[in-house]
Amino acid sequence: MAYRINKDECIGCGACEAVCPVSCISEVEDGKREINENDCIDCGSCASVCPVSCISQI
């Protein structure tokens, strides 16, 4: 399992990237964030801080 960011809803604030304990979230060319699902440890920290709730478990 892992988490995924809905890029259509992401506002690019970076809160998720700041709290990720394994640094698997990075900024993509449009300023939004993307999660490397292979490195995600399924902790849920990113989803808990997202101000627009665009991160969901897959």
C-alpha atoms as a PDB file:
ATOM      1  CA  MET A   1       0.000   0.000   0.000  1.00  0.00           C
ATOM      2  CA  ALA A   2       1.024   3.574  -0.476  1.00  0.00           C
ATOM      3  CA  TYR A   3      -0.390   7.050  -0.847  1.00  0.00           C
ATOM      4  CA  ARG A   4      -1.066   9.049  -4.000  1.00  0.00           C
ATOM      5  CA  ILE A   5      -1.519  12.776  -4.594  1.00  0.00           C
ATOM      6  CA  ASN A   6      -4.357  13.930  -6.838  1.00  0.00           C
ATOM      7  CA  LYS A   7      -2.434  16.470  -8.917  1.00  0.00           C
ATOM      8  CA  ASP A   8      -5.625  18.168 -10.094  1.00  0.00           C
ATOM      9  CA  GLU A   9      -6.409  19.132  -6.502  1.00  0.00           C
ATOM     10  CA  CYS A  10      -2.857  19.732  -5.205  1.00  0.00           C
ATOM     11  CA  ILE A  11      -2.093  23.397  -4.488  1.00  0.00           C
ATOM     12  CA  GLY A  12       1.679  22.871  -4.275  1.00  0.00           C
ATOM     13  CA  CYS A  13       2.064  24.060  -0.685  1.00  0.00           C
ATOM     14  CA  GLY A  14       4.727  21.469   0.194  1.00  0.00           C
ATOM     15  CA  ALA A  15       3.327  20.551   3.612  1.00  0.00           C
ATOM     16  CA  CYS A  16       3.338  16.860   2.705  1.00  0.00           C
ATOM     17  CA  GLU A  17       6.944  16.952   1.536  1.00  0.00           C
ATOM     18  CA  ALA A  18       8.022  18.662   4.751  1.00  0.00           C
ATOM     19  CA  VAL A  19       6.613  15.928   7.017  1.00  0.00           C
ATOM     20  CA  CYS A  20       7.507  12.820   5.021  1.00  0.00           C
ATOM     21  CA  PRO A  21       9.899  10.757   7.196  1.00  0.00           C
ATOM     22  CA  VAL A  22      11.429   8.947   4.200  1.00  0.00           C
ATOM     23  CA  SER A  23      11.594  11.896   1.772  1.00  0.00           C
ATOM     24  CA  CYS A  24       9.584  10.127  -0.926  1.00  0.00           C
ATOM     25  CA  ILE A  25       7.654  13.264  -1.949  1.00  0.00           C
ATOM     26  CA  SER A  26       9.106  15.623  -4.492  1.00  0.00           C
ATOM     27  CA  GLU A  27       8.112  18.676  -6.471  1.00  0.00           C
ATOM     28  CA  VAL A  28       7.307  18.129 -10.137  1.00  0.00           C
ATOM     29  CA  GLU A  29       7.614  20.625 -12.962  1.00  0.00           C
ATOM     30  CA  ASP A  30       4.278  22.319 -12.347  1.00  0.00           C
ATOM     31  CA  GLY A  31       5.072  23.029  -8.671  1.00  0.00           C
ATOM     32  CA  LYS A  32       2.796  20.289  -7.418  1.00  0.00           C
ATOM     33  CA  ARG A  33       3.994  17.269  -5.460  1.00  0.00           C
ATOM     34  CA  GLU A  34       4.343  13.612  -6.352  1.00  0.00           C
ATOM     35  CA  ILE A  35       4.850  10.563  -4.121  1.00  0.00           C
ATOM     36  CA  ASN A  36       7.315   7.846  -5.072  1.00  0.00           C
ATOM     37  CA  GLU A  37       5.014   4.931  -4.292  1.00  0.00           C
ATOM     38  CA  ASN A  38       7.913   2.453  -4.164  1.00  0.00           C
ATOM     39  CA  ASP A  39       9.545   4.327  -1.287  1.00  0.00           C
ATOM     40  CA  CYS A  40       6.349   5.240   0.615  1.00  0.00           C
ATOM     41  CA  ILE A  41       6.133   3.474   4.001  1.00  0.00           C
ATOM     42  CA  ASP A  42       2.360   4.042   4.315  1.00  0.00           C
ATOM     43  CA  CYS A  43       2.624   6.143   7.486  1.00  0.00           C
ATOM     44  CA  GLY A  44      -0.085   8.653   6.505  1.00  0.00           C
ATOM     45  CA  SER A  45       1.803  11.724   7.713  1.00  0.00           C
ATOM     46  CA  CYS A  46       1.390  13.439   4.355  1.00  0.00           C
ATOM     47  CA  ALA A  47      -2.371  12.904   4.208  1.00  0.00           C
ATOM     48  CA  SER A  48      -2.831  14.198   7.743  1.00  0.00           C
ATOM     49  CA  VAL A  49      -1.249  17.599   6.960  1.00  0.00           C
ATOM     50  CA  CYS A  50      -2.670  18.232   3.478  1.00  0.00           C
ATOM     51  CA  PRO A  51      -4.845  21.364   3.675  1.00  0.00           C
ATOM     52  CA  VAL A  52      -6.949  20.345   0.653  1.00  0.00           C
ATOM     53  CA  SER A  53      -7.180  16.594   1.377  1.00  0.00           C
ATOM     54  CA  CYS A  54      -5.824  15.588  -2.022  1.00  0.00           C
ATOM     55  CA  ILE A  55      -3.759  12.644  -0.727  1.00  0.00           C
ATOM     56  CA  SER A  56      -5.360   9.229  -0.498  1.00  0.00           C
ATOM     57  CA  GLN A  57      -4.280   5.696   0.227  1.00  0.00           C
ATOM     58  CA  ILE A  58      -4.104   3.352  -2.737  1.00  0.00           C
END
